[in-house]
Structures are given as structure tokens and as C-alpha cells.
């Protein structure tokens, strides 16, 4: 059992190292685009199932509350939290549409949708992505395995190449934390390099 504990930590660390080496430049480019959209007054929507639903709520909380900095609240909504909406849509339509309907109701052109799926094949996340793209919303996938159907559906796919759901989720939440840190610093720490937050908004 001691070896199991040790191996689990090493496996997680090695997977994160492999992921960042493969995606370092893409992460910077995509996160900068997300930060620019938030800066322009748009919001971040997030959806996923199970542990991924918890990650959505975690990331949204870091943006609306704070991550490391005292700053104004940032607009983010986890589409996983309203039980009345989730159960009504699942009951009246289907479980596959629980996020799609919320994207249609709450999303606006220029927003960002982050879909989290360890398999890459969550049908309700896929439908939300398809609706978002119809509406001019940027779509980003935090995915696992080979990326599944979502890899070809989203504008930007970050794929953790593992078949271990816990290890995939550990990379996803690290990616989410880095996103929150990046947005904070981009909007509030680098005024000498970038225009102040909100400048030029309509």
C-alpha cells in the first residue's frame, strides 16, 4: 500500500509534466483569448458531469470570489448547480439537454464556454458546445483519453492523454487554477503592459 500511495503521486506529477510540455504555448494563447473576452465584459460558462461538475463550480467560485488577489468579481457561471433547471430540463426534454438550454438562456455572443469531460464523449456537454458555437461563443474543452467527440467539436481542446479518470481530473483542476491565476494577473497586475480592466467597454 505504501507503493500505491507513492506511485499515485508520481503518476499525477508525470502526467502534469507531460501535459504542460505538450500544451504550454497553446495554453498561453487560449487563456489570453479568454482573459481578453472577460476584459471586454463577457462571461465564462462551465459545464460537466460528476467530478467535472465539481470542477466547474470550483473554477467559477475562484473567478467570482477571488483566487490570489483582491480585485473585483469576475463573471462566471457553473451550469451544474441549479437543481430546478437541471431536473426540469432532464424531465421535460432529456438529460442530454441540461446544459444546452442554459447556454441558450444565459449565453451571449463573445462569451466563453468551458466543457469538462474526462471521456470527451459526454453528450450533454457536446450539445452545449454545439449550441454555443451557433451563438458565437468561444468553446474550450478540458478533455481526457483521446479527446472523444468533443475534441473535434470545440474551438480549443486540451486533452489529458490518460485513461485514469482521477489522474485526468487532477490535471483538469490544475489547468483551471492556472486559468484563474492567469486571468487575475492579466487583468489586474499588468496595467503597465495592458490597458486597465474595462477600458473601451461599451
N, C-alpha and C. Protein backbone atom coordinates (compact mmCIF):
# COMPACT_ATOMS: atom_id res chain seq x y z
N UNK A 1 0.82 -1.20 0.00
CA UNK A 1 0.00 0.00 0.00
C UNK A 1 0.87 1.27 0.00
N UNK A 2 2.02 1.21 0.63
CA UNK A 2 2.93 2.35 0.59
C UNK A 2 3.34 2.67 -0.85
N UNK A 3 3.59 1.60 -1.60
CA UNK A 3 3.98 1.78 -3.01
C UNK A 3 2.84 2.38 -3.82
N UNK A 4 1.61 2.00 -3.50
CA UNK A 4 0.44 2.55 -4.19
C UNK A 4 0.36 4.06 -3.98
N UNK A 5 0.54 4.49 -2.74
CA UNK A 5 0.49 5.92 -2.44
C UNK A 5 1.58 6.66 -3.20
N UNK A 6 2.78 6.15 -3.14
CA UNK A 6 3.91 6.79 -3.80
C UNK A 6 3.70 6.84 -5.32
N UNK A 7 3.26 5.73 -5.90
CA UNK A 7 3.05 5.66 -7.34
C UNK A 7 1.96 6.63 -7.79
N UNK A 8 0.90 6.78 -7.00
CA UNK A 8 -0.20 7.67 -7.38
C UNK A 8 0.28 9.11 -7.50
N UNK A 9 1.11 9.54 -6.55
CA UNK A 9 1.65 10.90 -6.61
C UNK A 9 2.58 11.06 -7.81
N UNK A 10 3.43 10.10 -8.05
CA UNK A 10 4.36 10.19 -9.18
C UNK A 10 3.62 10.17 -10.51
N UNK A 11 2.61 9.33 -10.61
CA UNK A 11 1.83 9.25 -11.85
C UNK A 11 1.16 10.59 -12.14
N UNK A 12 0.59 11.22 -11.11
CA UNK A 12 -0.07 12.51 -11.28
C UNK A 12 0.94 13.57 -11.70
N UNK A 13 2.09 13.60 -11.04
CA UNK A 13 3.11 14.59 -11.36
C UNK A 13 3.65 14.41 -12.77
N UNK A 14 3.90 13.17 -13.16
CA UNK A 14 4.42 12.88 -14.50
C UNK A 14 3.43 13.27 -15.59
N UNK A 15 2.14 13.02 -15.33
CA UNK A 15 1.11 13.35 -16.32
C UNK A 15 1.00 14.86 -16.49
N UNK A 16 1.09 15.60 -15.41
CA UNK A 16 1.05 17.06 -15.48
C UNK A 16 2.26 17.60 -16.24
N UNK A 17 3.41 17.00 -16.00
CA UNK A 17 4.62 17.43 -16.70
C UNK A 17 4.49 17.18 -18.20
N UNK A 18 4.01 16.01 -18.57
CA UNK A 18 3.82 15.69 -19.99
C UNK A 18 2.81 16.64 -20.63
N UNK A 19 1.74 16.93 -19.90
CA UNK A 19 0.69 17.79 -20.43
C UNK A 19 1.21 19.20 -20.69
N UNK A 20 1.92 19.77 -19.75
CA UNK A 20 2.38 21.15 -19.93
C UNK A 20 3.44 21.23 -21.01
N UNK A 21 4.29 20.24 -21.14
CA UNK A 21 5.30 20.26 -22.19
C UNK A 21 4.65 20.25 -23.57
N UNK A 22 3.55 19.55 -23.69
CA UNK A 22 2.86 19.46 -24.98
C UNK A 22 1.98 20.66 -25.27
N UNK A 23 1.47 21.31 -24.23
CA UNK A 23 0.43 22.34 -24.43
C UNK A 23 0.82 23.74 -23.97
N UNK A 24 2.05 23.95 -23.60
CA UNK A 24 2.46 25.21 -22.98
C UNK A 24 2.07 26.44 -23.81
N UNK A 25 2.44 26.47 -25.06
CA UNK A 25 2.16 27.64 -25.90
C UNK A 25 0.68 27.78 -26.18
N UNK A 26 -0.01 26.66 -26.40
CA UNK A 26 -1.44 26.70 -26.67
C UNK A 26 -2.21 27.22 -25.45
N UNK A 27 -1.80 26.82 -24.27
CA UNK A 27 -2.45 27.31 -23.06
C UNK A 27 -2.34 28.83 -22.98
N UNK A 28 -1.15 29.35 -23.22
CA UNK A 28 -0.96 30.80 -23.18
C UNK A 28 -1.88 31.51 -24.17
N UNK A 29 -1.91 31.01 -25.40
CA UNK A 29 -2.71 31.65 -26.46
C UNK A 29 -4.20 31.63 -26.13
N UNK A 30 -4.69 30.47 -25.70
CA UNK A 30 -6.12 30.33 -25.42
C UNK A 30 -6.50 31.10 -24.16
N UNK A 31 -5.68 31.02 -23.11
CA UNK A 31 -6.00 31.72 -21.87
C UNK A 31 -5.98 33.23 -22.09
N UNK A 32 -5.10 33.72 -22.95
CA UNK A 32 -5.08 35.15 -23.26
C UNK A 32 -6.38 35.55 -23.95
N UNK A 33 -6.87 34.70 -24.86
CA UNK A 33 -8.13 35.00 -25.54
C UNK A 33 -9.29 35.02 -24.55
N UNK A 34 -9.30 34.07 -23.62
CA UNK A 34 -10.36 34.06 -22.60
C UNK A 34 -10.29 35.33 -21.75
N UNK A 35 -9.09 35.69 -21.31
CA UNK A 35 -8.91 36.88 -20.48
C UNK A 35 -9.36 38.14 -21.22
N UNK A 36 -9.06 38.22 -22.50
CA UNK A 36 -9.49 39.38 -23.30
C UNK A 36 -11.01 39.45 -23.38
N UNK A 37 -11.66 38.32 -23.47
CA UNK A 37 -13.13 38.32 -23.53
C UNK A 37 -13.72 38.74 -22.19
N UNK A 38 -13.15 38.27 -21.10
CA UNK A 38 -13.61 38.71 -19.78
C UNK A 38 -13.37 40.21 -19.61
N UNK A 39 -12.21 40.65 -20.06
CA UNK A 39 -11.89 42.08 -20.00
C UNK A 39 -12.90 42.91 -20.77
N UNK A 40 -13.40 42.38 -21.87
CA UNK A 40 -14.37 43.10 -22.69
C UNK A 40 -15.79 43.02 -22.19
N UNK A 41 -16.01 42.37 -21.02
CA UNK A 41 -17.34 42.34 -20.43
C UNK A 41 -18.09 41.05 -20.63
N UNK A 42 -17.44 40.05 -21.22
CA UNK A 42 -18.10 38.76 -21.41
C UNK A 42 -17.87 37.86 -20.19
N UNK A 43 -18.59 36.74 -20.16
CA UNK A 43 -18.52 35.84 -19.01
C UNK A 43 -18.04 34.46 -19.42
N UNK A 44 -17.71 33.67 -18.40
CA UNK A 44 -17.28 32.29 -18.58
C UNK A 44 -18.38 31.37 -18.08
N UNK A 45 -18.84 30.47 -18.93
CA UNK A 45 -19.80 29.42 -18.57
C UNK A 45 -19.04 28.11 -18.49
N UNK A 46 -19.44 27.23 -17.57
CA UNK A 46 -18.75 25.95 -17.43
C UNK A 46 -19.76 24.82 -17.26
N UNK A 47 -19.47 23.66 -17.85
CA UNK A 47 -20.36 22.51 -17.68
C UNK A 47 -19.58 21.21 -17.69
N UNK A 48 -20.11 20.23 -16.97
CA UNK A 48 -19.51 18.91 -16.89
C UNK A 48 -20.33 18.06 -15.94
N UNK A 49 -19.97 16.80 -15.81
CA UNK A 49 -20.73 15.84 -15.00
C UNK A 49 -19.87 15.25 -13.89
N UNK A 50 -20.50 14.94 -12.77
CA UNK A 50 -19.79 14.27 -11.68
C UNK A 50 -18.66 15.10 -11.13
N UNK A 51 -17.46 14.51 -11.08
CA UNK A 51 -16.29 15.24 -10.61
C UNK A 51 -16.01 16.46 -11.46
N UNK A 52 -16.32 16.37 -12.74
CA UNK A 52 -16.12 17.52 -13.63
C UNK A 52 -17.11 18.64 -13.31
N UNK A 53 -18.30 18.27 -12.85
CA UNK A 53 -19.27 19.28 -12.40
C UNK A 53 -18.70 20.03 -11.19
N UNK A 54 -18.07 19.29 -10.28
CA UNK A 54 -17.46 19.92 -9.13
C UNK A 54 -16.33 20.86 -9.56
N UNK A 55 -15.56 20.46 -10.56
CA UNK A 55 -14.50 21.33 -11.07
C UNK A 55 -15.08 22.61 -11.67
N UNK A 56 -16.21 22.50 -12.36
CA UNK A 56 -16.87 23.69 -12.90
C UNK A 56 -17.21 24.67 -11.80
N UNK A 57 -17.80 24.16 -10.72
CA UNK A 57 -18.18 25.01 -9.60
C UNK A 57 -16.95 25.60 -8.92
N UNK A 58 -15.90 24.82 -8.81
CA UNK A 58 -14.66 25.28 -8.20
C UNK A 58 -14.07 26.44 -8.99
N UNK A 59 -13.97 26.29 -10.30
CA UNK A 59 -13.38 27.33 -11.14
C UNK A 59 -14.24 28.59 -11.12
N UNK A 60 -15.56 28.42 -11.24
CA UNK A 60 -16.46 29.58 -11.19
C UNK A 60 -16.32 30.33 -9.87
N UNK A 61 -16.20 29.58 -8.78
CA UNK A 61 -16.06 30.21 -7.45
C UNK A 61 -14.78 31.02 -7.36
N UNK A 62 -13.69 30.51 -7.94
CA UNK A 62 -12.41 31.24 -7.89
C UNK A 62 -12.51 32.56 -8.67
N UNK A 63 -13.28 32.57 -9.75
CA UNK A 63 -13.40 33.79 -10.57
C UNK A 63 -14.35 34.79 -9.93
N UNK A 64 -15.49 34.32 -9.45
CA UNK A 64 -16.47 35.23 -8.84
C UNK A 64 -15.95 35.74 -7.49
N UNK A 65 -15.34 34.85 -6.72
CA UNK A 65 -14.77 35.26 -5.44
C UNK A 65 -13.40 35.88 -5.66
N UNK A 66 -12.39 35.08 -5.40
CA UNK A 66 -11.02 35.51 -5.71
C UNK A 66 -10.15 34.27 -5.78
N UNK A 67 -9.03 34.41 -6.45
CA UNK A 67 -8.05 33.33 -6.49
C UNK A 67 -6.89 33.69 -5.56
N UNK A 68 -6.03 34.59 -5.98
CA UNK A 68 -4.92 35.04 -5.14
C UNK A 68 -4.95 36.53 -4.83
N UNK A 69 -5.79 37.27 -5.55
CA UNK A 69 -5.74 38.72 -5.48
C UNK A 69 -7.04 39.33 -4.99
N UNK A 70 -6.92 40.46 -4.31
CA UNK A 70 -8.10 41.27 -4.01
C UNK A 70 -8.41 42.09 -5.25
N UNK A 71 -9.55 41.84 -5.84
CA UNK A 71 -9.94 42.54 -7.08
C UNK A 71 -11.46 42.42 -7.22
N UNK A 72 -12.00 43.06 -8.24
CA UNK A 72 -13.45 43.00 -8.45
C UNK A 72 -13.85 41.58 -8.87
N UNK A 73 -15.10 41.24 -8.62
CA UNK A 73 -15.62 39.93 -9.00
C UNK A 73 -15.64 39.80 -10.52
N UNK A 74 -15.39 38.59 -10.99
CA UNK A 74 -15.40 38.32 -12.43
C UNK A 74 -16.57 37.39 -12.76
N UNK A 75 -17.20 37.59 -13.92
CA UNK A 75 -18.42 36.86 -14.25
C UNK A 75 -18.16 35.44 -14.72
N UNK A 76 -18.63 34.48 -13.94
CA UNK A 76 -18.51 33.06 -14.28
C UNK A 76 -19.70 32.32 -13.70
N UNK A 77 -20.24 31.38 -14.48
CA UNK A 77 -21.42 30.61 -14.05
C UNK A 77 -21.17 29.13 -14.31
N UNK A 78 -21.28 28.32 -13.26
CA UNK A 78 -21.28 26.86 -13.43
C UNK A 78 -22.70 26.43 -13.74
N UNK A 79 -22.90 25.78 -14.87
CA UNK A 79 -24.24 25.37 -15.29
C UNK A 79 -24.65 24.05 -14.64
N UNK A 80 -24.06 23.73 -13.52
CA UNK A 80 -24.23 22.44 -12.87
C UNK A 80 -24.95 22.55 -11.53
N UNK A 81 -25.39 23.75 -11.15
CA UNK A 81 -25.76 23.99 -9.76
C UNK A 81 -27.25 24.17 -9.49
N UNK A 82 -28.02 24.54 -10.49
CA UNK A 82 -29.43 24.85 -10.27
C UNK A 82 -30.26 23.57 -10.44
N UNK A 83 -30.61 22.95 -9.33
CA UNK A 83 -31.29 21.65 -9.40
C UNK A 83 -32.67 21.75 -10.05
N UNK A 84 -33.34 22.87 -9.89
CA UNK A 84 -34.66 23.03 -10.51
C UNK A 84 -34.55 23.04 -12.03
N UNK A 85 -33.57 23.80 -12.55
CA UNK A 85 -33.37 23.81 -14.00
C UNK A 85 -32.92 22.44 -14.49
N UNK A 86 -31.95 21.86 -13.81
CA UNK A 86 -31.40 20.57 -14.25
C UNK A 86 -32.47 19.49 -14.29
N UNK A 87 -33.29 19.42 -13.24
CA UNK A 87 -34.31 18.36 -13.19
C UNK A 87 -35.47 18.66 -14.12
N UNK A 88 -35.83 19.94 -14.26
CA UNK A 88 -36.93 20.28 -15.17
C UNK A 88 -36.56 19.95 -16.61
N UNK A 89 -35.37 20.36 -17.03
CA UNK A 89 -34.96 20.10 -18.42
C UNK A 89 -34.77 18.61 -18.65
N UNK A 90 -34.16 17.92 -17.69
CA UNK A 90 -33.98 16.48 -17.83
C UNK A 90 -35.31 15.76 -17.91
N UNK A 91 -36.30 16.22 -17.13
CA UNK A 91 -37.62 15.59 -17.10
C UNK A 91 -38.45 15.93 -18.34
N UNK A 92 -38.42 17.20 -18.75
CA UNK A 92 -39.28 17.65 -19.84
C UNK A 92 -38.69 17.41 -21.21
N UNK A 93 -37.36 17.41 -21.30
CA UNK A 93 -36.68 17.18 -22.58
C UNK A 93 -35.86 15.91 -22.48
N UNK A 94 -34.61 16.04 -22.05
CA UNK A 94 -33.76 14.89 -21.77
C UNK A 94 -32.53 15.37 -21.03
N UNK A 95 -31.84 14.43 -20.36
CA UNK A 95 -30.64 14.78 -19.63
C UNK A 95 -29.57 15.34 -20.56
N UNK A 96 -29.61 14.94 -21.81
CA UNK A 96 -28.63 15.41 -22.79
C UNK A 96 -28.72 16.91 -23.04
N UNK A 97 -29.84 17.55 -22.65
CA UNK A 97 -30.05 18.95 -22.97
C UNK A 97 -29.93 19.89 -21.77
N UNK A 98 -29.50 19.37 -20.63
CA UNK A 98 -29.50 20.19 -19.40
C UNK A 98 -28.56 21.39 -19.49
N UNK A 99 -27.48 21.27 -20.22
CA UNK A 99 -26.55 22.39 -20.35
C UNK A 99 -26.86 23.22 -21.60
N UNK A 100 -27.31 22.57 -22.63
CA UNK A 100 -27.65 23.28 -23.88
C UNK A 100 -28.69 24.36 -23.63
N UNK A 101 -29.74 24.03 -22.87
CA UNK A 101 -30.80 25.00 -22.62
C UNK A 101 -30.28 26.20 -21.82
N UNK A 102 -29.38 25.95 -20.89
CA UNK A 102 -28.82 27.05 -20.10
C UNK A 102 -27.89 27.93 -20.93
N UNK A 103 -27.14 27.31 -21.83
CA UNK A 103 -26.31 28.11 -22.74
C UNK A 103 -27.19 29.02 -23.58
N UNK A 104 -28.29 28.46 -24.09
CA UNK A 104 -29.21 29.25 -24.91
C UNK A 104 -29.81 30.40 -24.11
N UNK A 105 -30.12 30.15 -22.84
CA UNK A 105 -30.77 31.16 -22.00
C UNK A 105 -29.80 32.21 -21.48
N UNK A 106 -28.60 31.80 -21.12
CA UNK A 106 -27.68 32.68 -20.41
C UNK A 106 -26.52 33.19 -21.24
N UNK A 107 -26.20 32.47 -22.31
CA UNK A 107 -25.03 32.82 -23.10
C UNK A 107 -25.29 33.97 -24.06
N UNK A 108 -24.21 34.69 -24.36
CA UNK A 108 -24.26 35.78 -25.35
C UNK A 108 -23.03 35.68 -26.24
N UNK A 109 -23.15 36.22 -27.43
CA UNK A 109 -22.02 36.23 -28.34
C UNK A 109 -20.80 36.87 -27.66
N UNK A 110 -19.65 36.22 -27.79
CA UNK A 110 -18.44 36.71 -27.17
C UNK A 110 -18.10 36.05 -25.85
N UNK A 111 -19.07 35.34 -25.25
CA UNK A 111 -18.81 34.62 -24.00
C UNK A 111 -17.87 33.44 -24.27
N UNK A 112 -17.51 32.74 -23.19
CA UNK A 112 -16.66 31.55 -23.27
C UNK A 112 -17.39 30.40 -22.59
N UNK A 113 -17.41 29.24 -23.24
CA UNK A 113 -17.94 28.02 -22.62
C UNK A 113 -16.80 27.03 -22.46
N UNK A 114 -16.57 26.61 -21.22
CA UNK A 114 -15.60 25.55 -20.95
C UNK A 114 -16.37 24.28 -20.64
N UNK A 115 -16.19 23.27 -21.48
CA UNK A 115 -16.82 21.98 -21.28
C UNK A 115 -15.77 20.99 -20.75
N UNK A 116 -16.08 20.37 -19.62
CA UNK A 116 -15.12 19.45 -18.99
C UNK A 116 -15.67 18.03 -19.09
N UNK A 117 -14.87 17.13 -19.68
CA UNK A 117 -15.30 15.74 -19.85
C UNK A 117 -14.08 14.84 -19.88
N UNK A 118 -13.97 13.93 -18.92
CA UNK A 118 -12.80 13.05 -18.88
C UNK A 118 -12.80 12.05 -20.04
N UNK A 119 -13.98 11.71 -20.55
CA UNK A 119 -14.06 10.79 -21.69
C UNK A 119 -14.02 11.54 -23.01
N UNK A 120 -14.44 12.80 -23.00
CA UNK A 120 -14.57 13.56 -24.24
C UNK A 120 -15.86 13.25 -24.98
N UNK A 121 -16.72 12.44 -24.39
CA UNK A 121 -17.93 11.99 -25.09
C UNK A 121 -19.22 12.29 -24.35
N UNK A 122 -19.19 13.17 -23.36
CA UNK A 122 -20.41 13.49 -22.62
C UNK A 122 -21.39 14.20 -23.54
N UNK A 123 -22.53 13.56 -23.77
CA UNK A 123 -23.47 14.07 -24.76
C UNK A 123 -24.04 15.41 -24.36
N UNK A 124 -24.30 15.63 -23.08
CA UNK A 124 -24.87 16.92 -22.67
C UNK A 124 -23.85 18.05 -22.82
N UNK A 125 -22.58 17.75 -22.64
CA UNK A 125 -21.54 18.76 -22.87
C UNK A 125 -21.41 19.04 -24.37
N UNK A 126 -21.48 17.99 -25.17
CA UNK A 126 -21.39 18.14 -26.62
C UNK A 126 -22.51 19.02 -27.16
N UNK A 127 -23.74 18.79 -26.67
CA UNK A 127 -24.87 19.60 -27.13
C UNK A 127 -24.71 21.06 -26.70
N UNK A 128 -24.17 21.28 -25.51
CA UNK A 128 -23.93 22.64 -25.05
C UNK A 128 -22.90 23.34 -25.94
N UNK A 129 -21.87 22.61 -26.33
CA UNK A 129 -20.84 23.16 -27.21
C UNK A 129 -21.44 23.51 -28.57
N UNK A 130 -22.25 22.64 -29.10
CA UNK A 130 -22.87 22.89 -30.41
C UNK A 130 -23.75 24.13 -30.37
N UNK A 131 -24.53 24.28 -29.30
CA UNK A 131 -25.38 25.46 -29.16
C UNK A 131 -24.52 26.72 -29.01
N UNK A 132 -23.46 26.62 -28.22
CA UNK A 132 -22.57 27.77 -28.01
C UNK A 132 -21.96 28.24 -29.33
N UNK A 133 -21.53 27.31 -30.15
CA UNK A 133 -20.91 27.70 -31.41
C UNK A 133 -21.92 28.38 -32.33
N UNK A 134 -23.18 27.95 -32.28
CA UNK A 134 -24.23 28.61 -33.06
C UNK A 134 -24.39 30.06 -32.62
N UNK A 135 -24.12 30.32 -31.36
CA UNK A 135 -24.35 31.65 -30.76
C UNK A 135 -23.12 32.54 -30.79
N UNK A 136 -22.01 32.07 -31.35
CA UNK A 136 -20.80 32.89 -31.39
C UNK A 136 -20.05 32.91 -30.08
N UNK A 137 -20.17 31.85 -29.30
CA UNK A 137 -19.48 31.70 -28.02
C UNK A 137 -18.23 30.86 -28.23
N UNK A 138 -17.11 31.31 -27.68
CA UNK A 138 -15.86 30.55 -27.77
C UNK A 138 -15.99 29.28 -26.94
N UNK A 139 -15.59 28.14 -27.51
CA UNK A 139 -15.71 26.87 -26.81
C UNK A 139 -14.34 26.26 -26.55
N UNK A 140 -14.15 25.83 -25.31
CA UNK A 140 -12.89 25.23 -24.87
C UNK A 140 -13.21 23.92 -24.17
N UNK A 141 -12.47 22.87 -24.50
CA UNK A 141 -12.68 21.57 -23.87
C UNK A 141 -11.52 21.19 -22.97
N UNK A 142 -11.82 20.82 -21.72
CA UNK A 142 -10.87 20.16 -20.84
C UNK A 142 -11.23 18.68 -20.93
N UNK A 143 -10.44 17.90 -21.65
CA UNK A 143 -10.82 16.55 -22.04
C UNK A 143 -9.80 15.52 -21.58
N UNK A 144 -10.17 14.24 -21.75
CA UNK A 144 -9.26 13.16 -21.41
C UNK A 144 -9.24 12.10 -22.49
N UNK A 145 -8.46 11.04 -22.24
CA UNK A 145 -8.30 9.92 -23.17
C UNK A 145 -7.82 10.41 -24.53
N UNK A 146 -8.61 10.19 -25.59
CA UNK A 146 -8.20 10.69 -26.92
C UNK A 146 -8.98 11.95 -27.30
N UNK A 147 -9.71 12.51 -26.35
CA UNK A 147 -10.50 13.72 -26.61
C UNK A 147 -11.92 13.45 -27.03
N UNK A 148 -12.19 12.23 -27.52
CA UNK A 148 -13.55 11.85 -27.90
C UNK A 148 -14.18 12.77 -28.94
N UNK A 149 -15.50 12.78 -28.96
CA UNK A 149 -16.24 13.61 -29.91
C UNK A 149 -15.99 15.11 -29.69
N UNK A 150 -15.77 15.47 -28.45
CA UNK A 150 -15.61 16.89 -28.12
C UNK A 150 -14.33 17.48 -28.71
N UNK A 151 -13.33 16.65 -28.91
CA UNK A 151 -12.05 17.15 -29.43
C UNK A 151 -12.24 17.85 -30.77
N UNK A 152 -13.13 17.31 -31.60
CA UNK A 152 -13.38 17.90 -32.91
C UNK A 152 -14.49 18.93 -32.91
N UNK A 153 -15.19 19.06 -31.77
CA UNK A 153 -16.33 19.97 -31.71
C UNK A 153 -15.96 21.34 -31.14
N UNK A 154 -15.03 21.37 -30.20
CA UNK A 154 -14.68 22.64 -29.54
C UNK A 154 -13.69 23.44 -30.39
N UNK A 155 -13.62 24.74 -30.11
CA UNK A 155 -12.63 25.58 -30.79
C UNK A 155 -11.22 25.24 -30.33
N UNK A 156 -11.09 24.95 -29.03
CA UNK A 156 -9.77 24.63 -28.46
C UNK A 156 -9.91 23.43 -27.53
N UNK A 157 -9.16 22.37 -27.80
CA UNK A 157 -9.23 21.16 -26.98
C UNK A 157 -7.92 20.95 -26.22
N UNK A 158 -8.02 20.82 -24.90
CA UNK A 158 -6.88 20.43 -24.08
C UNK A 158 -7.12 19.00 -23.62
N UNK A 159 -6.34 18.08 -24.14
CA UNK A 159 -6.57 16.65 -23.93
C UNK A 159 -5.50 16.08 -23.01
N UNK A 160 -5.94 15.50 -21.89
CA UNK A 160 -5.04 14.81 -20.98
C UNK A 160 -5.00 13.35 -21.43
N UNK A 161 -3.88 12.93 -21.95
CA UNK A 161 -3.79 11.62 -22.59
C UNK A 161 -3.56 10.50 -21.57
N UNK A 162 -4.65 10.18 -20.89
CA UNK A 162 -4.64 9.12 -19.88
C UNK A 162 -6.01 8.47 -19.87
N UNK A 163 -6.07 7.22 -19.40
CA UNK A 163 -7.35 6.54 -19.25
C UNK A 163 -7.76 6.44 -17.78
N UNK A 164 -7.01 7.13 -16.91
CA UNK A 164 -7.33 7.14 -15.49
C UNK A 164 -8.13 8.40 -15.18
N UNK A 165 -9.41 8.23 -14.85
CA UNK A 165 -10.27 9.38 -14.57
C UNK A 165 -9.72 10.27 -13.44
N UNK A 166 -9.27 9.70 -12.31
CA UNK A 166 -8.73 10.58 -11.26
C UNK A 166 -7.52 11.38 -11.72
N UNK A 167 -6.62 10.76 -12.47
CA UNK A 167 -5.43 11.47 -12.93
C UNK A 167 -5.81 12.57 -13.92
N UNK A 168 -6.77 12.30 -14.79
CA UNK A 168 -7.24 13.32 -15.74
C UNK A 168 -7.81 14.51 -14.98
N UNK A 169 -8.64 14.22 -13.97
CA UNK A 169 -9.27 15.30 -13.20
C UNK A 169 -8.23 16.13 -12.46
N UNK A 170 -7.15 15.50 -12.01
CA UNK A 170 -6.10 16.24 -11.31
C UNK A 170 -5.40 17.23 -12.24
N UNK A 171 -5.24 16.86 -13.50
CA UNK A 171 -4.68 17.80 -14.47
C UNK A 171 -5.70 18.89 -14.79
N UNK A 172 -6.97 18.51 -14.92
CA UNK A 172 -8.01 19.50 -15.24
C UNK A 172 -8.09 20.59 -14.18
N UNK A 173 -8.07 20.22 -12.91
CA UNK A 173 -8.23 21.26 -11.89
C UNK A 173 -6.97 22.12 -11.81
N UNK A 174 -5.81 21.53 -12.09
CA UNK A 174 -4.60 22.35 -12.17
C UNK A 174 -4.72 23.35 -13.32
N UNK A 175 -5.21 22.89 -14.46
CA UNK A 175 -5.42 23.77 -15.60
C UNK A 175 -6.41 24.87 -15.25
N UNK A 176 -7.46 24.52 -14.51
CA UNK A 176 -8.43 25.52 -14.08
C UNK A 176 -7.83 26.54 -13.14
N UNK A 177 -7.00 26.09 -12.21
CA UNK A 177 -6.33 27.01 -11.30
C UNK A 177 -5.40 27.95 -12.06
N UNK A 178 -4.67 27.42 -13.01
CA UNK A 178 -3.76 28.26 -13.80
C UNK A 178 -4.56 29.28 -14.60
N UNK A 179 -5.72 28.88 -15.12
CA UNK A 179 -6.58 29.82 -15.84
C UNK A 179 -7.00 30.98 -14.93
N UNK A 180 -7.44 30.67 -13.72
CA UNK A 180 -7.86 31.72 -12.79
C UNK A 180 -6.70 32.64 -12.45
N UNK A 181 -5.53 32.08 -12.21
CA UNK A 181 -4.35 32.88 -11.89
C UNK A 181 -3.97 33.77 -13.07
N UNK A 182 -4.02 33.20 -14.27
CA UNK A 182 -3.68 33.95 -15.48
C UNK A 182 -4.63 35.13 -15.67
N UNK A 183 -5.94 34.89 -15.54
CA UNK A 183 -6.92 35.95 -15.75
C UNK A 183 -6.71 37.07 -14.73
N UNK A 184 -6.51 36.72 -13.46
CA UNK A 184 -6.27 37.74 -12.44
C UNK A 184 -5.06 38.61 -12.78
N UNK A 185 -3.96 37.96 -13.08
CA UNK A 185 -2.74 38.72 -13.35
C UNK A 185 -2.85 39.52 -14.64
N UNK A 186 -3.49 38.94 -15.64
CA UNK A 186 -3.63 39.62 -16.93
C UNK A 186 -4.48 40.88 -16.79
N UNK A 187 -5.54 40.80 -16.01
CA UNK A 187 -6.47 41.92 -15.89
C UNK A 187 -6.07 42.94 -14.83
N UNK A 188 -5.40 42.50 -13.79
CA UNK A 188 -5.21 43.38 -12.63
C UNK A 188 -3.77 43.63 -12.22
N UNK A 189 -2.81 42.89 -12.73
CA UNK A 189 -1.42 43.06 -12.30
C UNK A 189 -0.54 43.74 -13.31
N UNK A 190 -0.95 43.71 -14.58
CA UNK A 190 -0.05 44.15 -15.64
C UNK A 190 -0.54 45.42 -16.31
N UNK A 191 -1.04 46.37 -15.54
CA UNK A 191 -1.58 47.59 -16.14
C UNK A 191 -0.54 48.36 -16.95
N UNK A 192 0.73 48.19 -16.60
CA UNK A 192 1.78 48.89 -17.36
C UNK A 192 1.97 48.30 -18.74
N UNK A 193 1.47 47.06 -18.91
CA UNK A 193 1.64 46.39 -20.21
C UNK A 193 0.33 46.30 -20.99
N UNK A 194 -0.79 46.30 -20.25
CA UNK A 194 -2.08 46.16 -20.90
C UNK A 194 -3.00 47.28 -20.42
N UNK A 195 -3.99 47.66 -21.22
CA UNK A 195 -4.93 48.70 -20.79
C UNK A 195 -5.68 48.27 -19.53
N UNK A 196 -6.09 49.20 -18.67
CA UNK A 196 -6.82 48.85 -17.46
C UNK A 196 -8.09 48.07 -17.77
N UNK A 197 -8.48 47.23 -16.82
CA UNK A 197 -9.69 46.42 -16.98
C UNK A 197 -10.89 47.33 -17.24
N UNK A 198 -11.68 46.96 -18.25
CA UNK A 198 -12.90 47.71 -18.56
C UNK A 198 -12.71 48.84 -19.53
N UNK A 199 -11.47 49.22 -19.84
CA UNK A 199 -11.24 50.36 -20.75
C UNK A 199 -11.75 50.00 -22.15
N UNK A 200 -12.50 50.89 -22.70
CA UNK A 200 -13.01 50.69 -24.06
C UNK A 200 -14.31 49.90 -24.12
N UNK A 201 -14.85 49.50 -22.95
CA UNK A 201 -16.11 48.76 -22.97
C UNK A 201 -17.24 49.70 -23.35
N UNK A 202 -18.21 49.14 -24.05
CA UNK A 202 -19.38 49.92 -24.49
C UNK A 202 -20.26 50.25 -23.29
